[in-house]
PDB file of all heavy atoms in Angstrom:
ATOM      1  N   HIS A   1       0.808  -1.222   0.000  1.00  0.00           N
ATOM      2  CA  HIS A   1       0.000   0.000   0.000  1.00  0.00           C
ATOM      3  C   HIS A   1       0.841   1.274   0.000  1.00  0.00           C
ATOM      4  O   HIS A   1       0.296   2.379   0.038  1.00  0.00           O
ATOM      5  CB  HIS A   1      -0.942   0.004   1.216  1.00  0.00           C
ATOM      6  CG  HIS A   1      -1.950  -1.100   1.165  1.00  0.00           C
ATOM      7  ND1 HIS A   1      -2.393  -1.763   2.291  1.00  0.00           N
ATOM      8  CD2 HIS A   1      -2.585  -1.683   0.111  1.00  0.00           C
ATOM      9  CE1 HIS A   1      -3.268  -2.701   1.937  1.00  0.00           C
ATOM     10  NE2 HIS A   1      -3.399  -2.667   0.619  1.00  0.00           N
ATOM     11  N   GLY A   2       2.168   1.120  -0.006  1.00  0.00           N
ATOM     12  CA  GLY A   2       3.033   2.289  -0.079  1.00  0.00           C
ATOM     13  C   GLY A   2       3.128   3.087   1.200  1.00  0.00           C
ATOM     14  O   GLY A   2       3.390   4.289   1.170  1.00  0.00           O
ATOM     15  N   THR A   3       2.937   2.420   2.337  1.00  0.00           N
ATOM     16  CA  THR A   3       2.969   3.135   3.623  1.00  0.00           C
ATOM     17  C   THR A   3       4.194   2.780   4.473  1.00  0.00           C
ATOM     18  O   THR A   3       4.229   3.101   5.661  1.00  0.00           O
ATOM     19  CB  THR A   3       1.682   2.848   4.433  1.00  0.00           C
ATOM     20  OG1 THR A   3       1.550   1.432   4.641  1.00  0.00           O
ATOM     21  CG2 THR A   3       0.454   3.350   3.685  1.00  0.00           C
ATOM     22  N   LEU A   4       5.186   2.122   3.873  1.00  0.00           N
ATOM     23  CA  LEU A   4       6.431   1.856   4.603  1.00  0.00           C
ATOM     24  C   LEU A   4       7.095   3.177   4.967  1.00  0.00           C
ATOM     25  O   LEU A   4       7.073   4.122   4.179  1.00  0.00           O
ATOM     26  CB  LEU A   4       7.404   1.067   3.729  1.00  0.00           C
ATOM     27  CG  LEU A   4       7.455  -0.456   3.794  1.00  0.00           C
ATOM     28  CD1 LEU A   4       8.653  -0.940   3.003  1.00  0.00           C
ATOM     29  CD2 LEU A   4       7.482  -0.980   5.203  1.00  0.00           C
ATOM     30  N   ASP A   5       7.743   3.225   6.135  1.00  0.00           N
ATOM     31  CA  ASP A   5       8.427   4.467   6.503  1.00  0.00           C
ATOM     32  C   ASP A   5       9.703   4.642   5.674  1.00  0.00           C
ATOM     33  O   ASP A   5      10.202   3.698   5.049  1.00  0.00           O
ATOM     34  CB  ASP A   5       8.738   4.493   8.006  1.00  0.00           C
ATOM     35  CG  ASP A   5       9.703   3.394   8.417  1.00  0.00           C
ATOM     36  OD1 ASP A   5      10.888   3.496   8.073  1.00  0.00           O
ATOM     37  OD2 ASP A   5       9.266   2.440   9.099  1.00  0.00           O
ATOM     38  N   ALA A   6      10.215   5.873   5.678  1.00  0.00           N
ATOM     39  CA  ALA A   6      11.339   6.233   4.797  1.00  0.00           C
ATOM     40  C   ALA A   6      12.580   5.397   5.090  1.00  0.00           C
ATOM     41  O   ALA A   6      13.309   5.005   4.164  1.00  0.00           O
ATOM     42  CB  ALA A   6      11.654   7.719   4.949  1.00  0.00           C
ATOM     43  N   LYS A   7      12.827   5.087   6.343  1.00  0.00           N
ATOM     44  CA  LYS A   7      14.022   4.305   6.703  1.00  0.00           C
ATOM     45  C   LYS A   7      13.928   2.892   6.118  1.00  0.00           C
ATOM     46  O   LYS A   7      14.913   2.359   5.573  1.00  0.00           O
ATOM     47  CB  LYS A   7      14.157   4.243   8.227  1.00  0.00           C
ATOM     48  CG  LYS A   7      15.405   3.516   8.697  1.00  0.00           C
ATOM     49  CD  LYS A   7      15.487   3.498  10.218  1.00  0.00           C
ATOM     50  CE  LYS A   7      16.712   2.722  10.692  1.00  0.00           C
ATOM     51  NZ  LYS A   7      16.766   2.619  12.171  1.00  0.00           N
ATOM     52  N   ALA A   8      12.752   2.286   6.232  1.00  0.00           N
ATOM     53  CA  ALA A   8      12.551   0.934   5.682  1.00  0.00           C
ATOM     54  C   ALA A   8      12.687   0.947   4.162  1.00  0.00           C
ATOM     55  O   ALA A   8      13.218   0.009   3.560  1.00  0.00           O
ATOM     56  CB  ALA A   8      11.177   0.405   6.096  1.00  0.00           C
ATOM     57  N   GLN A   9      12.210   2.028   3.542  1.00  0.00           N
ATOM     58  CA  GLN A   9      12.326   2.172   2.088  1.00  0.00           C
ATOM     59  C   GLN A   9      13.786   2.283   1.663  1.00  0.00           C
ATOM     60  O   GLN A   9      14.214   1.662   0.697  1.00  0.00           O
ATOM     61  CB  GLN A   9      11.624   3.446   1.686  1.00  0.00           C
ATOM     62  CG  GLN A   9      10.410   3.427   0.800  1.00  0.00           C
ATOM     63  CD  GLN A   9       9.991   2.193   0.083  1.00  0.00           C
ATOM     64  OE1 GLN A   9       8.917   1.699   0.348  1.00  0.00           O
ATOM     65  NE2 GLN A   9      10.780   1.711  -0.851  1.00  0.00           N
ATOM     66  N   ARG A  10      14.562   3.056   2.429  1.00  0.00           N
ATOM     67  CA  ARG A  10      15.989   3.241   2.109  1.00  0.00           C
ATOM     68  C   ARG A  10      16.741   1.922   2.235  1.00  0.00           C
ATOM     69  O   ARG A  10      17.666   1.654   1.463  1.00  0.00           O
ATOM     70  CB  ARG A  10      16.616   4.301   3.022  1.00  0.00           C
ATOM     71  CG  ARG A  10      16.321   5.741   2.604  1.00  0.00           C
ATOM     72  CD  ARG A  10      17.265   6.716   3.293  1.00  0.00           C
ATOM     73  NE  ARG A  10      17.207   6.618   4.741  1.00  0.00           N
ATOM     74  CZ  ARG A  10      16.318   7.267   5.508  1.00  0.00           C
ATOM     75  NH1 ARG A  10      15.407   8.054   4.952  1.00  0.00           N
ATOM     76  NH2 ARG A  10      16.340   7.129   6.814  1.00  0.00           N
ATOM     77  N   ARG A  11      16.363   1.130   3.204  1.00  0.00           N
ATOM     78  CA  ARG A  11      17.039  -0.157   3.409  1.00  0.00           C
ATOM     79  C   ARG A  11      16.831  -1.074   2.196  1.00  0.00           C
ATOM     80  O   ARG A  11      17.723  -1.856   1.842  1.00  0.00           O
ATOM     81  CB  ARG A  11      16.517  -0.826   4.684  1.00  0.00           C
ATOM     82  CG  ARG A  11      17.290  -2.075   5.058  1.00  0.00           C
ATOM     83  CD  ARG A  11      16.977  -2.525   6.469  1.00  0.00           C
ATOM     84  NE  ARG A  11      17.954  -3.512   6.901  1.00  0.00           N
ATOM     85  CZ  ARG A  11      18.105  -3.949   8.139  1.00  0.00           C
ATOM     86  NH1 ARG A  11      17.350  -3.442   9.100  1.00  0.00           N
ATOM     87  NH2 ARG A  11      19.015  -4.846   8.433  1.00  0.00           N
ATOM     88  N   ILE A  12      15.673  -0.993   1.572  1.00  0.00           N
ATOM     89  CA  ILE A  12      15.412  -1.769   0.356  1.00  0.00           C
ATOM     90  C   ILE A  12      16.262  -1.241  -0.796  1.00  0.00           C
ATOM     91  O   ILE A  12      16.838  -2.013  -1.562  1.00  0.00           O
ATOM     92  CB  ILE A  12      13.906  -1.723  -0.007  1.00  0.00           C
ATOM     93  CG1 ILE A  12      13.095  -2.529   1.020  1.00  0.00           C
ATOM     94  CG2 ILE A  12      13.673  -2.259  -1.418  1.00  0.00           C
ATOM     95  CD1 ILE A  12      11.598  -2.350   0.906  1.00  0.00           C
ATOM     96  N   GLY A  13      16.316   0.081  -0.941  1.00  0.00           N
ATOM     97  CA  GLY A  13      17.158   0.687  -1.979  1.00  0.00           C
ATOM     98  C   GLY A  13      16.466   0.901  -3.306  1.00  0.00           C
ATOM     99  O   GLY A  13      17.108   1.267  -4.295  1.00  0.00           O
ATOM    100  N   LEU A  14      15.147   0.661  -3.348  1.00  0.00           N
ATOM    101  CA  LEU A  14      14.367   0.864  -4.568  1.00  0.00           C
ATOM    102  C   LEU A  14      13.192   1.785  -4.244  1.00  0.00           C
ATOM    103  O   LEU A  14      12.458   1.519  -3.285  1.00  0.00           O
ATOM    104  CB  LEU A  14      13.828  -0.474  -5.108  1.00  0.00           C
ATOM    105  CG  LEU A  14      14.863  -1.502  -5.564  1.00  0.00           C
ATOM    106  CD1 LEU A  14      14.208  -2.863  -5.777  1.00  0.00           C
ATOM    107  CD2 LEU A  14      15.562  -1.046  -6.839  1.00  0.00           C
ATOM    108  N   PRO A  15      12.989   2.844  -5.011  1.00  0.00           N
ATOM    109  CA  PRO A  15      11.885   3.765  -4.724  1.00  0.00           C
ATOM    110  C   PRO A  15      10.531   3.099  -4.974  1.00  0.00           C
ATOM    111  O   PRO A  15      10.353   2.399  -5.979  1.00  0.00           O
ATOM    112  CB  PRO A  15      12.127   4.934  -5.695  1.00  0.00           C
ATOM    113  CG  PRO A  15      12.925   4.341  -6.810  1.00  0.00           C
ATOM    114  CD  PRO A  15      13.762   3.253  -6.201  1.00  0.00           C
ATOM    115  N   TRP A  16       9.582   3.320  -4.064  1.00  0.00           N
ATOM    116  CA  TRP A  16       8.292   2.645  -4.147  1.00  0.00           C
ATOM    117  C   TRP A  16       7.471   3.141  -5.339  1.00  0.00           C
ATOM    118  O   TRP A  16       7.474   4.331  -5.664  1.00  0.00           O
ATOM    119  CB  TRP A  16       7.488   2.890  -2.865  1.00  0.00           C
ATOM    120  CG  TRP A  16       6.221   2.088  -2.811  1.00  0.00           C
ATOM    121  CD1 TRP A  16       6.064   0.837  -2.303  1.00  0.00           C
ATOM    122  CD2 TRP A  16       4.930   2.470  -3.337  1.00  0.00           C
ATOM    123  NE1 TRP A  16       4.771   0.412  -2.467  1.00  0.00           N
ATOM    124  CE2 TRP A  16       4.043   1.393  -3.095  1.00  0.00           C
ATOM    125  CE3 TRP A  16       4.445   3.611  -3.981  1.00  0.00           C
ATOM    126  CZ2 TRP A  16       2.706   1.415  -3.463  1.00  0.00           C
ATOM    127  CZ3 TRP A  16       3.109   3.639  -4.362  1.00  0.00           C
ATOM    128  CH2 TRP A  16       2.250   2.557  -4.103  1.00  0.00           C
ATOM    129  N   SER A  17       6.778   2.216  -5.974  1.00  0.00           N
ATOM    130  CA  SER A  17       5.767   2.566  -6.970  1.00  0.00           C
ATOM    131  C   SER A  17       4.812   1.387  -7.065  1.00  0.00           C
ATOM    132  O   SER A  17       5.162   0.250  -6.718  1.00  0.00           O
ATOM    133  CB  SER A  17       6.384   2.842  -8.346  1.00  0.00           C
ATOM    134  OG  SER A  17       6.919   1.659  -8.914  1.00  0.00           O
ATOM    135  N   SER A  18       3.591   1.637  -7.524  1.00  0.00           N
ATOM    136  CA  SER A  18       2.624   0.542  -7.657  1.00  0.00           C
ATOM    137  C   SER A  18       3.106  -0.475  -8.685  1.00  0.00           C
ATOM    138  O   SER A  18       2.871  -1.687  -8.536  1.00  0.00           O
ATOM    139  CB  SER A  18       1.248   1.088  -8.033  1.00  0.00           C
ATOM    140  OG  SER A  18       1.322   1.833  -9.236  1.00  0.00           O
ATOM    141  N   SER A  19       3.813  -0.021  -9.729  1.00  0.00           N
ATOM    142  CA  SER A  19       4.331  -0.958 -10.734  1.00  0.00           C
ATOM    143  C   SER A  19       5.445  -1.828 -10.147  1.00  0.00           C
ATOM    144  O   SER A  19       5.580  -3.002 -10.508  1.00  0.00           O
ATOM    145  CB  SER A  19       4.823  -0.219 -11.982  1.00  0.00           C
ATOM    146  OG  SER A  19       5.826   0.699 -11.661  1.00  0.00           O
ATOM    147  N   LEU A  20       6.232  -1.271  -9.218  1.00  0.00           N
ATOM    148  CA  LEU A  20       7.266  -2.084  -8.565  1.00  0.00           C
ATOM    149  C   LEU A  20       6.644  -3.109  -7.622  1.00  0.00           C
ATOM    150  O   LEU A  20       7.137  -4.233  -7.501  1.00  0.00           O
ATOM    151  CB  LEU A  20       8.258  -1.194  -7.818  1.00  0.00           C
ATOM    152  CG  LEU A  20       9.460  -1.936  -7.216  1.00  0.00           C
ATOM    153  CD1 LEU A  20      10.293  -2.618  -8.296  1.00  0.00           C
ATOM    154  CD2 LEU A  20      10.346  -0.997  -6.405  1.00  0.00           C
ATOM    155  N   VAL A  21       5.555  -2.748  -6.973  1.00  0.00           N
ATOM    156  CA  VAL A  21       4.821  -3.713  -6.137  1.00  0.00           C
ATOM    157  C   VAL A  21       4.381  -4.890  -7.002  1.00  0.00           C
ATOM    158  O   VAL A  21       4.589  -6.058  -6.653  1.00  0.00           O
ATOM    159  CB  VAL A  21       3.595  -3.058  -5.462  1.00  0.00           C
ATOM    160  CG1 VAL A  21       2.736  -4.128  -4.767  1.00  0.00           C
ATOM    161  CG2 VAL A  21       4.023  -2.000  -4.465  1.00  0.00           C
ATOM    162  N   ASN A  22       3.777  -4.578  -8.144  1.00  0.00           N
ATOM    163  CA  ASN A  22       3.311  -5.637  -9.036  1.00  0.00           C
ATOM    164  C   ASN A  22       4.484  -6.475  -9.533  1.00  0.00           C
ATOM    165  O   ASN A  22       4.411  -7.710  -9.555  1.00  0.00           O
ATOM    166  CB  ASN A  22       2.560  -5.033 -10.221  1.00  0.00           C
ATOM    167  CG  ASN A  22       2.020  -6.097 -11.155  1.00  0.00           C
ATOM    168  OD1 ASN A  22       1.199  -6.922 -10.759  1.00  0.00           O
ATOM    169  ND2 ASN A  22       2.492  -6.111 -12.386  1.00  0.00           N
ATOM    170  N   ARG A  23       5.585  -5.816  -9.924  1.00  0.00           N
ATOM    171  CA  ARG A  23       6.766  -6.524 -10.402  1.00  0.00           C
ATOM    172  C   ARG A  23       7.300  -7.485  -9.341  1.00  0.00           C
ATOM    173  O   ARG A  23       7.654  -8.633  -9.619  1.00  0.00           O
ATOM    174  CB  ARG A  23       7.847  -5.503 -10.769  1.00  0.00           C
ATOM    175  CG  ARG A  23       9.093  -6.132 -11.351  1.00  0.00           C
ATOM    176  CD  ARG A  23      10.321  -5.952 -10.479  1.00  0.00           C
ATOM    177  NE  ARG A  23      11.399  -6.711 -11.092  1.00  0.00           N
ATOM    178  CZ  ARG A  23      11.870  -7.847 -10.598  1.00  0.00           C
ATOM    179  NH1 ARG A  23      11.413  -8.327  -9.468  1.00  0.00           N
ATOM    180  NH2 ARG A  23      12.817  -8.510 -11.217  1.00  0.00           N
ATOM    181  N   THR A  24       7.361  -7.005  -8.107  1.00  0.00           N
ATOM    182  CA  THR A  24       7.856  -7.803  -6.986  1.00  0.00           C
ATOM    183  C   THR A  24       7.011  -9.061  -6.792  1.00  0.00           C
ATOM    184  O   THR A  24       7.542 -10.174  -6.644  1.00  0.00           O
ATOM    185  CB  THR A  24       7.840  -6.958  -5.703  1.00  0.00           C
ATOM    186  OG1 THR A  24       8.715  -5.833  -5.888  1.00  0.00           O
ATOM    187  CG2 THR A  24       8.294  -7.756  -4.505  1.00  0.00           C
ATOM    188  N   CYS A  25       5.697  -8.886  -6.814  1.00  0.00           N
ATOM    189  CA  CYS A  25       4.800 -10.017  -6.575  1.00  0.00           C
ATOM    190  C   CYS A  25       4.803 -10.993  -7.754  1.00  0.00           C
ATOM    191  O   CYS A  25       4.804 -12.219  -7.560  1.00  0.00           O
ATOM    192  CB  CYS A  25       3.389  -9.508  -6.294  1.00  0.00           C
ATOM    193  SG  CYS A  25       3.259  -8.554  -4.761  1.00  0.00           S
ATOM    194  N   VAL A  26       4.815 -10.465  -8.974  1.00  0.00           N
ATOM    195  CA  VAL A  26       4.843 -11.339 -10.157  1.00  0.00           C
ATOM    196  C   VAL A  26       6.146 -12.158 -10.190  1.00  0.00           C
ATOM    197  O   VAL A  26       6.143 -13.345 -10.548  1.00  0.00           O
ATOM    198  CB  VAL A  26       4.667 -10.519 -11.452  1.00  0.00           C
ATOM    199  CG1 VAL A  26       4.945 -11.372 -12.685  1.00  0.00           C
ATOM    200  CG2 VAL A  26       3.255  -9.945 -11.522  1.00  0.00           C
ATOM    201  N   ALA A  27       7.267 -11.541  -9.791  1.00  0.00           N
ATOM    202  CA  ALA A  27       8.542 -12.266  -9.757  1.00  0.00           C
ATOM    203  C   ALA A  27       8.512 -13.396  -8.727  1.00  0.00           C
ATOM    204  O   ALA A  27       9.071 -14.478  -8.956  1.00  0.00           O
ATOM    205  CB  ALA A  27       9.695 -11.307  -9.473  1.00  0.00           C
ATOM    206  N   VAL A  28       7.861 -13.163  -7.594  1.00  0.00           N
ATOM    207  CA  VAL A  28       7.668 -14.231  -6.608  1.00  0.00           C
ATOM    208  C   VAL A  28       6.835 -15.359  -7.229  1.00  0.00           C
ATOM    209  O   VAL A  28       7.166 -16.550  -7.110  1.00  0.00           O
ATOM    210  CB  VAL A  28       6.989 -13.691  -5.331  1.00  0.00           C
ATOM    211  CG1 VAL A  28       6.513 -14.834  -4.442  1.00  0.00           C
ATOM    212  CG2 VAL A  28       7.936 -12.783  -4.560  1.00  0.00           C
ATOM    213  N   GLY A  29       5.760 -14.968  -7.941  1.00  0.00           N
ATOM    214  CA  GLY A  29       4.960 -15.966  -8.642  1.00  0.00           C
ATOM    215  C   GLY A  29       5.780 -16.738  -9.657  1.00  0.00           C
ATOM    216  O   GLY A  29       5.561 -17.939  -9.880  1.00  0.00           O
ATOM    217  N   GLY A  30       6.755 -16.062 -10.262  1.00  0.00           N
ATOM    218  CA  GLY A  30       7.639 -16.718 -11.227  1.00  0.00           C
ATOM    219  C   GLY A  30       8.476 -17.812 -10.598  1.00  0.00           C
ATOM    220  O   GLY A  30       8.668 -18.886 -11.181  1.00  0.00           O
ATOM    221  N   THR A  31       8.986 -17.556  -9.405  1.00  0.00           N
ATOM    222  CA  THR A  31       9.793 -18.573  -8.731  1.00  0.00           C
ATOM    223  C   THR A  31       8.923 -19.731  -8.252  1.00  0.00           C
ATOM    224  O   THR A  31       9.335 -20.900  -8.315  1.00  0.00           O
ATOM    225  CB  THR A  31      10.595 -17.943  -7.582  1.00  0.00           C
ATOM    226  OG1 THR A  31      11.497 -16.967  -8.135  1.00  0.00           O
ATOM    227  CG2 THR A  31      11.414 -18.981  -6.826  1.00  0.00           C
ATOM    228  N   ILE A  32       7.712 -19.430  -7.803  1.00  0.00           N
ATOM    229  CA  ILE A  32       6.783 -20.509  -7.429  1.00  0.00           C
ATOM    230  C   ILE A  32       6.498 -21.394  -8.641  1.00  0.00           C
ATOM    231  O   ILE A  32       6.571 -22.633  -8.564  1.00  0.00           O
ATOM    232  CB  ILE A  32       5.465 -19.929  -6.871  1.00  0.00           C
ATOM    233  CG1 ILE A  32       5.716 -19.189  -5.549  1.00  0.00           C
ATOM    234  CG2 ILE A  32       4.424 -21.040  -6.670  1.00  0.00           C
ATOM    235  CD1 ILE A  32       4.532 -18.368  -5.055  1.00  0.00           C
ATOM    236  N   LEU A  33       6.198 -20.772  -9.780  1.00  0.00           N
ATOM    237  CA  LEU A  33       5.922 -21.535 -10.999  1.00  0.00           C
ATOM    238  C   LEU A  33       7.149 -22.320 -11.456  1.00  0.00           C
ATOM    239  O   LEU A  33       7.029 -23.489 -11.868  1.00  0.00           O
ATOM    240  CB  LEU A  33       5.458 -20.581 -12.111  1.00  0.00           C
ATOM    241  CG  LEU A  33       5.183 -21.215 -13.485  1.00  0.00           C
ATOM    242  CD1 LEU A  33       4.128 -22.317 -13.398  1.00  0.00           C
ATOM    243  CD2 LEU A  33       4.766 -20.144 -14.492  1.00  0.00           C
ATOM    244  N   THR A  34       8.327 -21.707 -11.373  1.00  0.00           N
ATOM    245  CA  THR A  34       9.565 -22.400 -11.751  1.00  0.00           C
ATOM    246  C   THR A  34       9.760 -23.657 -10.902  1.00  0.00           C
ATOM    247  O   THR A  34      10.123 -24.721 -11.423  1.00  0.00           O
ATOM    248  CB  THR A  34      10.772 -21.456 -11.592  1.00  0.00           C
ATOM    249  OG1 THR A  34      10.561 -20.277 -12.378  1.00  0.00           O
ATOM    250  CG2 THR A  34      12.060 -22.123 -12.046  1.00  0.00           C
ATOM    251  N   ALA A  35       9.501 -23.544  -9.611  1.00  0.00           N
ATOM    252  CA  ALA A  35       9.639 -24.699  -8.718  1.00  0.00           C
ATOM    253  C   ALA A  35       8.630 -25.791  -9.077  1.00  0.00           C
ATOM    254  O   ALA A  35       8.963 -26.984  -9.095  1.00  0.00           O
ATOM    255  CB  ALA A  35       9.462 -24.250  -7.271  1.00  0.00           C
TER     256      ALA A  35
END
């Protein structure tokens, strides 16, 4: 939902966006499917 605090965001190192959320989840789905 994009409500992580700034420190937690910096620790990740990638700026938040709704498209990055989708990319992150789809990539997880990719590894599940690969397995």
